[in-house]
Amino acid sequence: MSHSRMQDRSGSEGTAALRNKVGELGHDLRDVANIAADASLEQLNKVRDAAVSSFNGAKDRVGSWEASLESYVRERPVKSLFLAAGVGMIAAFFLRRR
């Protein structure tokens, strides 16, 4: 065989090997992207679950606070009225100063 035919054959083999490597790299990159997407989704679910848990806890605390406030107002209506008026006056004082 002549030297140029040997170069063509080795060049074709090199090109084919390079294409195979590029194909493998593409598959590897897709695998890495899928793994990253799965990990991101898992973290997002953890954050969402924590947020839902915090929201539910806060909602329970507000409900408890509301029930105790309602009980206080029912037991001491006059005192509650004066307390609310005092808080309103203090808030108006601070808001006017702005």
PDB file of N, CA and C in Angstrom:
ATOM      1  N   MET A   1       0.831  -1.182   0.000  1.00  0.00           N
ATOM      2  CA  MET A   1       0.000   0.000   0.000  1.00  0.00           C
ATOM      3  C   MET A   1       0.875   1.244   0.000  1.00  0.00           C
ATOM      4  N   SER A   2       0.331   2.244  -0.590  1.00  0.00           N
ATOM      5  CA  SER A   2       1.112   3.466  -0.629  1.00  0.00           C
ATOM      6  C   SER A   2       0.965   4.205   0.688  1.00  0.00           C
ATOM      7  N   HIS A   3       1.828   5.127   0.860  1.00  0.00           N
ATOM      8  CA  HIS A   3       1.877   5.891   2.110  1.00  0.00           C
ATOM      9  C   HIS A   3       0.614   6.737   2.303  1.00  0.00           C
ATOM     10  N   SER A   4       0.063   7.305   1.230  1.00  0.00           N
ATOM     11  CA  SER A   4      -1.126   8.155   1.348  1.00  0.00           C
ATOM     12  C   SER A   4      -2.357   7.337   1.706  1.00  0.00           C
ATOM     13  N   ARG A   5      -2.444   6.101   1.176  1.00  0.00           N
ATOM     14  CA  ARG A   5      -3.587   5.250   1.543  1.00  0.00           C
ATOM     15  C   ARG A   5      -3.516   4.853   3.010  1.00  0.00           C
ATOM     16  N   MET A   6      -2.350   4.609   3.517  1.00  0.00           N
ATOM     17  CA  MET A   6      -2.184   4.277   4.933  1.00  0.00           C
ATOM     18  C   MET A   6      -2.568   5.469   5.794  1.00  0.00           C
ATOM     19  N   GLN A   7      -2.208   6.667   5.351  1.00  0.00           N
ATOM     20  CA  GLN A   7      -2.583   7.859   6.108  1.00  0.00           C
ATOM     21  C   GLN A   7      -4.091   8.040   6.083  1.00  0.00           C
ATOM     22  N   ASP A   8      -4.722   7.803   4.927  1.00  0.00           N
ATOM     23  CA  ASP A   8      -6.179   7.922   4.836  1.00  0.00           C
ATOM     24  C   ASP A   8      -6.857   6.940   5.765  1.00  0.00           C
ATOM     25  N   ARG A   9      -6.364   5.706   5.769  1.00  0.00           N
ATOM     26  CA  ARG A   9      -6.970   4.679   6.613  1.00  0.00           C
ATOM     27  C   ARG A   9      -6.760   5.023   8.093  1.00  0.00           C
ATOM     28  N   SER A  10      -5.570   5.429   8.487  1.00  0.00           N
ATOM     29  CA  SER A  10      -5.326   5.778   9.891  1.00  0.00           C
ATOM     30  C   SER A  10      -6.070   7.055  10.252  1.00  0.00           C
ATOM     31  N   GLY A  11      -6.209   7.985   9.307  1.00  0.00           N
ATOM     32  CA  GLY A  11      -6.984   9.199   9.548  1.00  0.00           C
ATOM     33  C   GLY A  11      -8.445   8.884   9.742  1.00  0.00           C
ATOM     34  N   SER A  12      -8.985   7.974   8.968  1.00  0.00           N
ATOM     35  CA  SER A  12     -10.388   7.566   9.112  1.00  0.00           C
ATOM     36  C   SER A  12     -10.614   6.871  10.436  1.00  0.00           C
ATOM     37  N   GLU A  13      -9.659   6.030  10.799  1.00  0.00           N
ATOM     38  CA  GLU A  13      -9.772   5.349  12.093  1.00  0.00           C
ATOM     39  C   GLU A  13      -9.693   6.349  13.236  1.00  0.00           C
ATOM     40  N   GLY A  14      -8.834   7.333  13.120  1.00  0.00           N
ATOM     41  CA  GLY A  14      -8.713   8.377  14.143  1.00  0.00           C
ATOM     42  C   GLY A  14      -9.978   9.202  14.232  1.00  0.00           C
ATOM     43  N   THR A  15     -10.554   9.527  13.075  1.00  0.00           N
ATOM     44  CA  THR A  15     -11.797  10.293  13.047  1.00  0.00           C
ATOM     45  C   THR A  15     -12.931   9.491  13.677  1.00  0.00           C
ATOM     46  N   ALA A  16     -13.003   8.213  13.361  1.00  0.00           N
ATOM     47  CA  ALA A  16     -14.047   7.359  13.933  1.00  0.00           C
ATOM     48  C   ALA A  16     -13.870   7.243  15.442  1.00  0.00           C
ATOM     49  N   ALA A  17     -12.627   7.105  15.891  1.00  0.00           N
ATOM     50  CA  ALA A  17     -12.371   7.014  17.329  1.00  0.00           C
ATOM     51  C   ALA A  17     -12.755   8.315  18.024  1.00  0.00           C
ATOM     52  N   LEU A  18     -12.414   9.427  17.355  1.00  0.00           N
ATOM     53  CA  LEU A  18     -12.764  10.731  17.921  1.00  0.00           C
ATOM     54  C   LEU A  18     -14.277  10.896  18.004  1.00  0.00           C
ATOM     55  N   ARG A  19     -14.996  10.479  16.977  1.00  0.00           N
ATOM     56  CA  ARG A  19     -16.455  10.551  17.001  1.00  0.00           C
ATOM     57  C   ARG A  19     -17.030   9.683  18.113  1.00  0.00           C
ATOM     58  N   ASN A  20     -16.454   8.506  18.308  1.00  0.00           N
ATOM     59  CA  ASN A  20     -16.911   7.635  19.396  1.00  0.00           C
ATOM     60  C   ASN A  20     -16.696   8.299  20.749  1.00  0.00           C
ATOM     61  N   LYS A  21     -15.527   8.919  20.910  1.00  0.00           N
ATOM     62  CA  LYS A  21     -15.231   9.594  22.189  1.00  0.00           C
ATOM     63  C   LYS A  21     -16.186  10.765  22.417  1.00  0.00           C
ATOM     64  N   VAL A  22     -16.465  11.520  21.349  1.00  0.00           N
ATOM     65  CA  VAL A  22     -17.397  12.646  21.470  1.00  0.00           C
ATOM     66  C   VAL A  22     -18.793  12.133  21.824  1.00  0.00           C
ATOM     67  N   GLY A  23     -19.197  11.028  21.211  1.00  0.00           N
ATOM     68  CA  GLY A  23     -20.494  10.432  21.541  1.00  0.00           C
ATOM     69  C   GLY A  23     -20.555   9.990  22.988  1.00  0.00           C
ATOM     70  N   GLU A  24     -19.477   9.368  23.462  1.00  0.00           N
ATOM     71  CA  GLU A  24     -19.420   8.947  24.866  1.00  0.00           C
ATOM     72  C   GLU A  24     -19.475  10.155  25.787  1.00  0.00           C
ATOM     73  N   LEU A  25     -18.765  11.216  25.412  1.00  0.00           N
ATOM     74  CA  LEU A  25     -18.766  12.431  26.220  1.00  0.00           C
ATOM     75  C   LEU A  25     -20.173  13.026  26.279  1.00  0.00           C
ATOM     76  N   GLY A  26     -20.871  13.000  25.145  1.00  0.00           N
ATOM     77  CA  GLY A  26     -22.254  13.495  25.129  1.00  0.00           C
ATOM     78  C   GLY A  26     -23.145  12.702  26.064  1.00  0.00           C
ATOM     79  N   HIS A  27     -22.999  11.395  26.054  1.00  0.00           N
ATOM     80  CA  HIS A  27     -23.793  10.553  26.972  1.00  0.00           C
ATOM     81  C   HIS A  27     -23.427  10.850  28.420  1.00  0.00           C
ATOM     82  N   ASP A  28     -22.138  11.004  28.687  1.00  0.00           N
ATOM     83  CA  ASP A  28     -21.701  11.318  30.056  1.00  0.00           C
ATOM     84  C   ASP A  28     -22.259  12.663  30.515  1.00  0.00           C
ATOM     85  N   LEU A  29     -22.240  13.647  29.621  1.00  0.00           N
ATOM     86  CA  LEU A  29     -22.772  14.962  29.984  1.00  0.00           C
ATOM     87  C   LEU A  29     -24.275  14.894  30.254  1.00  0.00           C
ATOM     88  N   ARG A  30     -25.002  14.112  29.468  1.00  0.00           N
ATOM     89  CA  ARG A  30     -26.441  13.940  29.728  1.00  0.00           C
ATOM     90  C   ARG A  30     -26.668  13.260  31.074  1.00  0.00           C
ATOM     91  N   ASP A  31     -25.834  12.274  31.394  1.00  0.00           N
ATOM     92  CA  ASP A  31     -25.959  11.598  32.685  1.00  0.00           C
ATOM     93  C   ASP A  31     -25.703  12.565  33.833  1.00  0.00           C
ATOM     94  N   VAL A  32     -24.669  13.392  33.696  1.00  0.00           N
ATOM     95  CA  VAL A  32     -24.351  14.376  34.745  1.00  0.00           C
ATOM     96  C   VAL A  32     -25.497  15.381  34.873  1.00  0.00           C
ATOM     97  N   ALA A  33     -26.047  15.821  33.755  1.00  0.00           N
ATOM     98  CA  ALA A  33     -27.166  16.772  33.792  1.00  0.00           C
ATOM     99  C   ALA A  33     -28.384  16.150  34.468  1.00  0.00           C
ATOM    100  N   ASN A  34     -28.660  14.887  34.190  1.00  0.00           N
ATOM    101  CA  ASN A  34     -29.787  14.204  34.840  1.00  0.00           C
ATOM    102  C   ASN A  34     -29.568  14.065  36.336  1.00  0.00           C
ATOM    103  N   ILE A  35     -28.344  13.746  36.727  1.00  0.00           N
ATOM    104  CA  ILE A  35     -28.031  13.626  38.154  1.00  0.00           C
ATOM    105  C   ILE A  35     -28.196  14.978  38.840  1.00  0.00           C
ATOM    106  N   ALA A  36     -27.702  16.047  38.201  1.00  0.00           N
ATOM    107  CA  ALA A  36     -27.835  17.393  38.777  1.00  0.00           C
ATOM    108  C   ALA A  36     -29.302  17.794  38.880  1.00  0.00           C
ATOM    109  N   ALA A  37     -30.084  17.468  37.869  1.00  0.00           N
ATOM    110  CA  ALA A  37     -31.511  17.811  37.904  1.00  0.00           C
ATOM    111  C   ALA A  37     -32.217  17.049  39.023  1.00  0.00           C
ATOM    112  N   ASP A  38     -31.884  15.778  39.183  1.00  0.00           N
ATOM    113  CA  ASP A  38     -32.490  14.986  40.263  1.00  0.00           C
ATOM    114  C   ASP A  38     -32.118  15.549  41.625  1.00  0.00           C
ATOM    115  N   ALA A  39     -30.847  15.927  41.790  1.00  0.00           N
ATOM    116  CA  ALA A  39     -30.402  16.481  43.068  1.00  0.00           C
ATOM    117  C   ALA A  39     -31.090  17.815  43.336  1.00  0.00           C
ATOM    118  N   SER A  40     -31.237  18.637  42.311  1.00  0.00           N
ATOM    119  CA  SER A  40     -31.914  19.925  42.473  1.00  0.00           C
ATOM    120  C   SER A  40     -33.366  19.725  42.860  1.00  0.00           C
ATOM    121  N   LEU A  41     -34.025  18.785  42.211  1.00  0.00           N
ATOM    122  CA  LEU A  41     -35.423  18.504  42.530  1.00  0.00           C
ATOM    123  C   LEU A  41     -35.567  17.998  43.958  1.00  0.00           C
ATOM    124  N   GLU A  42     -34.634  17.172  44.391  1.00  0.00           N
ATOM    125  CA  GLU A  42     -34.665  16.663  45.758  1.00  0.00           C
ATOM    126  C   GLU A  42     -34.495  17.805  46.765  1.00  0.00           C
ATOM    127  N   GLN A  43     -33.558  18.718  46.493  1.00  0.00           N
ATOM    128  CA  GLN A  43     -33.357  19.865  47.384  1.00  0.00           C
ATOM    129  C   GLN A  43     -34.592  20.760  47.388  1.00  0.00           C
ATOM    130  N   LEU A  44     -35.184  20.979  46.221  1.00  0.00           N
ATOM    131  CA  LEU A  44     -36.384  21.790  46.131  1.00  0.00           C
ATOM    132  C   LEU A  44     -37.516  21.181  46.947  1.00  0.00           C
ATOM    133  N   ASN A  45     -37.663  19.878  46.883  1.00  0.00           N
ATOM    134  CA  ASN A  45     -38.699  19.205  47.672  1.00  0.00           C
ATOM    135  C   ASN A  45     -38.434  19.346  49.163  1.00  0.00           C
ATOM    136  N   LYS A  46     -37.163  19.266  49.566  1.00  0.00           N
ATOM    137  CA  LYS A  46     -36.832  19.436  50.982  1.00  0.00           C
ATOM    138  C   LYS A  46     -37.168  20.847  51.452  1.00  0.00           C
ATOM    139  N   VAL A  47     -36.821  21.842  50.642  1.00  0.00           N
ATOM    140  CA  VAL A  47     -37.111  23.233  51.004  1.00  0.00           C
ATOM    141  C   VAL A  47     -38.619  23.456  51.071  1.00  0.00           C
ATOM    142  N   ARG A  48     -39.344  22.898  50.092  1.00  0.00           N
ATOM    143  CA  ARG A  48     -40.800  23.048  50.084  1.00  0.00           C
ATOM    144  C   ARG A  48     -41.418  22.410  51.329  1.00  0.00           C
ATOM    145  N   ASP A  49     -40.958  21.211  51.672  1.00  0.00           N
ATOM    146  CA  ASP A  49     -41.487  20.529  52.859  1.00  0.00           C
ATOM    147  C   ASP A  49     -41.202  21.329  54.125  1.00  0.00           C
ATOM    148  N   ALA A  50     -40.000  21.903  54.210  1.00  0.00           N
ATOM    149  CA  ALA A  50     -39.655  22.713  55.382  1.00  0.00           C
ATOM    150  C   ALA A  50     -40.518  23.970  55.441  1.00  0.00           C
ATOM    151  N   ALA A  51     -40.775  24.584  54.286  1.00  0.00           N
ATOM    152  CA  ALA A  51     -41.604  25.786  54.253  1.00  0.00           C
ATOM    153  C   ALA A  51     -43.049  25.464  54.654  1.00  0.00           C
ATOM    154  N   VAL A  52     -43.565  24.357  54.159  1.00  0.00           N
ATOM    155  CA  VAL A  52     -44.933  23.952  54.515  1.00  0.00           C
ATOM    156  C   VAL A  52     -45.016  23.671  56.013  1.00  0.00           C
ATOM    157  N   SER A  53     -44.003  23.000  56.544  1.00  0.00           N
ATOM    158  CA  SER A  53     -43.979  22.693  57.974  1.00  0.00           C
ATOM    159  C   SER A  53     -43.927  23.973  58.811  1.00  0.00           C
ATOM    160  N   SER A  54     -43.087  24.920  58.397  1.00  0.00           N
ATOM    161  CA  SER A  54     -42.989  26.191  59.122  1.00  0.00           C
ATOM    162  C   SER A  54     -44.293  26.967  59.046  1.00  0.00           C
ATOM    163  N   PHE A  55     -44.896  26.979  57.858  1.00  0.00           N
ATOM    164  CA  PHE A  55     -46.167  27.685  57.699  1.00  0.00           C
ATOM    165  C   PHE A  55     -47.244  27.082  58.583  1.00  0.00           C
ATOM    166  N   ASN A  56     -47.324  25.754  58.593  1.00  0.00           N
ATOM    167  CA  ASN A  56     -48.333  25.099  59.430  1.00  0.00           C
ATOM    168  C   ASN A  56     -48.086  25.364  60.909  1.00  0.00           C
ATOM    169  N   GLY A  57     -46.826  25.367  61.332  1.00  0.00           N
ATOM    170  CA  GLY A  57     -46.504  25.672  62.724  1.00  0.00           C
ATOM    171  C   GLY A  57     -46.888  27.099  63.086  1.00  0.00           C
ATOM    172  N   ALA A  58     -46.589  28.035  62.181  1.00  0.00           N
ATOM    173  CA  ALA A  58     -46.945  29.434  62.431  1.00  0.00           C
ATOM    174  C   ALA A  58     -48.461  29.602  62.474  1.00  0.00           C
ATOM    175  N   LYS A  59     -49.139  28.912  61.583  1.00  0.00           N
ATOM    176  CA  LYS A  59     -50.607  28.993  61.555  1.00  0.00           C
ATOM    177  C   LYS A  59     -51.188  28.469  62.867  1.00  0.00           C
ATOM    178  N   ASP A  60     -50.630  27.389  63.379  1.00  0.00           N
ATOM    179  CA  ASP A  60     -51.098  26.843  64.659  1.00  0.00           C
ATOM    180  C   ASP A  60     -50.838  27.818  65.802  1.00  0.00           C
ATOM    181  N   ARG A  61     -49.646  28.441  65.799  1.00  0.00           N
ATOM    182  CA  ARG A  61     -49.327  29.403  66.859  1.00  0.00           C
ATOM    183  C   ARG A  61     -50.246  30.616  66.804  1.00  0.00           C
ATOM    184  N   VAL A  62     -50.539  31.109  65.603  1.00  0.00           N
ATOM    185  CA  VAL A  62     -51.441  32.256  65.464  1.00  0.00           C
ATOM    186  C   VAL A  62     -52.841  31.878  65.925  1.00  0.00           C
ATOM    187  N   GLY A  63     -53.282  30.682  65.597  1.00  0.00           N
ATOM    188  CA  GLY A  63     -54.604  30.230  66.038  1.00  0.00           C
ATOM    189  C   GLY A  63     -54.683  30.143  67.554  1.00  0.00           C
ATOM    190  N   SER A  64     -53.610  29.649  68.161  1.00  0.00           N
ATOM    191  CA  SER A  64     -53.564  29.557  69.620  1.00  0.00           C
ATOM    192  C   SER A  64     -53.567  30.952  70.248  1.00  0.00           C
ATOM    193  N   TRP A  65     -52.773  31.858  69.670  1.00  0.00           N
ATOM    194  CA  TRP A  65     -52.703  33.222  70.180  1.00  0.00           C
ATOM    195  C   TRP A  65     -54.054  33.913  70.034  1.00  0.00           C
ATOM    196  N   GLU A  66     -54.721  33.679  68.912  1.00  0.00           N
ATOM    197  CA  GLU A  66     -56.033  34.273  68.680  1.00  0.00           C
ATOM    198  C   GLU A  66     -57.052  33.763  69.711  1.00  0.00           C
ATOM    199  N   ALA A  67     -57.014  32.484  70.003  1.00  0.00           N
ATOM    200  CA  ALA A  67     -57.952  31.920  70.981  1.00  0.00           C
ATOM    201  C   ALA A  67     -57.693  32.489  72.371  1.00  0.00           C
ATOM    202  N   SER A  68     -56.421  32.628  72.751  1.00  0.00           N
ATOM    203  CA  SER A  68     -56.126  33.171  74.083  1.00  0.00           C
ATOM    204  C   SER A  68     -56.482  34.649  74.156  1.00  0.00           C
ATOM    205  N   LEU A  69     -56.279  35.391  73.066  1.00  0.00           N
ATOM    206  CA  LEU A  69     -56.655  36.809  73.047  1.00  0.00           C
ATOM    207  C   LEU A  69     -58.171  36.960  73.154  1.00  0.00           C
ATOM    208  N   GLU A  70     -58.886  36.123  72.428  1.00  0.00           N
ATOM    209  CA  GLU A  70     -60.345  36.166  72.487  1.00  0.00           C
ATOM    210  C   GLU A  70     -60.841  35.852  73.901  1.00  0.00           C
ATOM    211  N   SER A  71     -60.218  34.888  74.535  1.00  0.00           N
ATOM    212  CA  SER A  71     -60.584  34.529  75.904  1.00  0.00           C
ATOM    213  C   SER A  71     -60.311  35.696  76.856  1.00  0.00           C
ATOM    214  N   TYR A  72     -59.160  36.362  76.677  1.00  0.00           N
ATOM    215  CA  TYR A  72     -58.805  37.500  77.524  1.00  0.00           C
ATOM    216  C   TYR A  72     -59.828  38.626  77.365  1.00  0.00           C
ATOM    217  N   VAL A  73     -60.224  38.901  76.112  1.00  0.00           N
ATOM    218  CA  VAL A  73     -61.185  39.986  75.856  1.00  0.00           C
ATOM    219  C   VAL A  73     -62.548  39.641  76.456  1.00  0.00           C
ATOM    220  N   ARG A  74     -62.949  38.382  76.385  1.00  0.00           N
ATOM    221  CA  ARG A  74     -64.236  37.986  76.959  1.00  0.00           C
ATOM    222  C   ARG A  74     -64.217  38.096  78.494  1.00  0.00           C
ATOM    223  N   GLU A  75     -63.080  37.805  79.108  1.00  0.00           N
ATOM    224  CA  GLU A  75     -62.994  37.859  80.569  1.00  0.00           C
ATOM    225  C   GLU A  75     -62.833  39.283  81.077  1.00  0.00           C
ATOM    226  N   ARG A  76     -62.170  40.153  80.315  1.00  0.00           N
ATOM    227  CA  ARG A  76     -61.885  41.529  80.753  1.00  0.00           C
ATOM    228  C   ARG A  76     -62.207  42.518  79.626  1.00  0.00           C
ATOM    229  N   PRO A  77     -63.462  42.737  79.314  1.00  0.00           N
ATOM    230  CA  PRO A  77     -63.794  43.588  78.158  1.00  0.00           C
ATOM    231  C   PRO A  77     -63.399  45.060  78.330  1.00  0.00           C
ATOM    232  N   VAL A  78     -63.610  45.625  79.508  1.00  0.00           N
ATOM    233  CA  VAL A  78     -63.291  47.042  79.717  1.00  0.00           C
ATOM    234  C   VAL A  78     -61.778  47.253  79.674  1.00  0.00           C
ATOM    235  N   LYS A  79     -61.056  46.404  80.360  1.00  0.00           N
ATOM    236  CA  LYS A  79     -59.596  46.507  80.367  1.00  0.00           C
ATOM    237  C   LYS A  79     -59.053  46.338  78.952  1.00  0.00           C
ATOM    238  N   SER A  80     -59.626  45.425  78.177  1.00  0.00           N
ATOM    239  CA  SER A  80     -59.196  45.194  76.801  1.00  0.00           C
ATOM    240  C   SER A  80     -59.454  46.427  75.944  1.00  0.00           C
ATOM    241  N   LEU A  81     -60.581  47.086  76.154  1.00  0.00           N
ATOM    242  CA  LEU A  81     -60.916  48.284  75.391  1.00  0.00           C
ATOM    243  C   LEU A  81     -59.914  49.400  75.671  1.00  0.00           C
ATOM    244  N   PHE A  82     -59.599  49.627  76.962  1.00  0.00           N
ATOM    245  CA  PHE A  82     -58.624  50.664  77.304  1.00  0.00           C
ATOM    246  C   PHE A  82     -57.217  50.315  76.782  1.00  0.00           C
ATOM    247  N   LEU A  83     -56.876  49.059  76.832  1.00  0.00           N
ATOM    248  CA  LEU A  83     -55.578  48.620  76.323  1.00  0.00           C
ATOM    249  C   LEU A  83     -55.493  48.859  74.814  1.00  0.00           C
ATOM    250  N   ALA A  84     -56.548  48.528  74.093  1.00  0.00           N
ATOM    251  CA  ALA A  84     -56.567  48.740  72.646  1.00  0.00           C
ATOM    252  C   ALA A  84     -56.494  50.233  72.317  1.00  0.00           C
ATOM    253  N   ALA A  85     -57.197  51.060  73.073  1.00  0.00           N
ATOM    254  CA  ALA A  85     -57.169  52.508  72.852  1.00  0.00           C
ATOM    255  C   ALA A  85     -55.759  53.049  73.106  1.00  0.00           C
ATOM    256  N   GLY A  86     -55.129  52.572  74.163  1.00  0.00           N
ATOM    257  CA  GLY A  86     -53.760  53.009  74.474  1.00  0.00           C
ATOM    258  C   GLY A  86     -52.778  52.620  73.381  1.00  0.00           C
ATOM    259  N   VAL A  87     -52.892  51.404  72.895  1.00  0.00           N
ATOM    260  CA  VAL A  87     -52.008  50.959  71.809  1.00  0.00           C
ATOM    261  C   VAL A  87     -52.264  51.801  70.560  1.00  0.00           C
ATOM    262  N   GLY A  88     -53.508  52.105  70.272  1.00  0.00           N
ATOM    263  CA  GLY A  88     -53.840  52.947  69.127  1.00  0.00           C
ATOM    264  C   GLY A  88     -53.266  54.339  69.247  1.00  0.00           C
ATOM    265  N   MET A  89     -53.325  54.915  70.443  1.00  0.00           N
ATOM    266  CA  MET A  89     -52.769  56.254  70.661  1.00  0.00           C
ATOM    267  C   MET A  89     -51.254  56.255  70.477  1.00  0.00           C
ATOM    268  N   ILE A  90     -50.603  55.233  70.986  1.00  0.00           N
ATOM    269  CA  ILE A  90     -49.142  55.140  70.842  1.00  0.00           C
ATOM    270  C   ILE A  90     -48.768  54.978  69.371  1.00  0.00           C
ATOM    271  N   ALA A  91     -49.506  54.153  68.650  1.00  0.00           N
ATOM    272  CA  ALA A  91     -49.232  53.963  67.225  1.00  0.00           C
ATOM    273  C   ALA A  91     -49.457  55.269  66.472  1.00  0.00           C
ATOM    274  N   ALA A  92     -50.526  55.993  66.794  1.00  0.00           N
ATOM    275  CA  ALA A  92     -50.799  57.273  66.116  1.00  0.00           C
ATOM    276  C   ALA A  92     -49.694  58.288  66.424  1.00  0.00           C
ATOM    277  N   PHE A  93     -49.186  58.297  67.634  1.00  0.00           N
ATOM    278  CA  PHE A  93     -48.115  59.205  68.008  1.00  0.00           C
ATOM    279  C   PHE A  93     -46.864  58.948  67.169  1.00  0.00           C
ATOM    280  N   PHE A  94     -46.503  57.687  67.025  1.00  0.00           N
ATOM    281  CA  PHE A  94     -45.306  57.348  66.261  1.00  0.00           C
ATOM    282  C   PHE A  94     -45.505  57.586  64.758  1.00  0.00           C
ATOM    283  N   LEU A  95     -46.692  57.350  64.266  1.00  0.00           N
ATOM    284  CA  LEU A  95     -46.941  57.548  62.835  1.00  0.00           C
ATOM    285  C   LEU A  95     -46.999  59.028  62.466  1.00  0.00           C
ATOM    286  N   ARG A  96     -47.435  59.869  63.365  1.00  0.00           N
ATOM    287  CA  ARG A  96     -47.483  61.317  63.104  1.00  0.00           C
ATOM    288  C   ARG A  96     -46.097  61.915  63.072  1.00  0.00           C
ATOM    289  N   ARG A  97     -45.177  61.382  63.854  1.00  0.00           N
ATOM    290  CA  ARG A  97     -43.829  61.949  63.937  1.00  0.00           C
ATOM    291  C   ARG A  97     -43.067  61.767  62.630  1.00  0.00           C
ATOM    292  N   ARG A  98     -43.467  60.902  61.789  1.00  0.00           N
ATOM    293  CA  ARG A  98     -42.774  60.667  60.512  1.00  0.00           C
ATOM    294  C   ARG A  98     -43.013  61.817  59.655  1.00  0.00           C
TER     295      ARG A  98
END
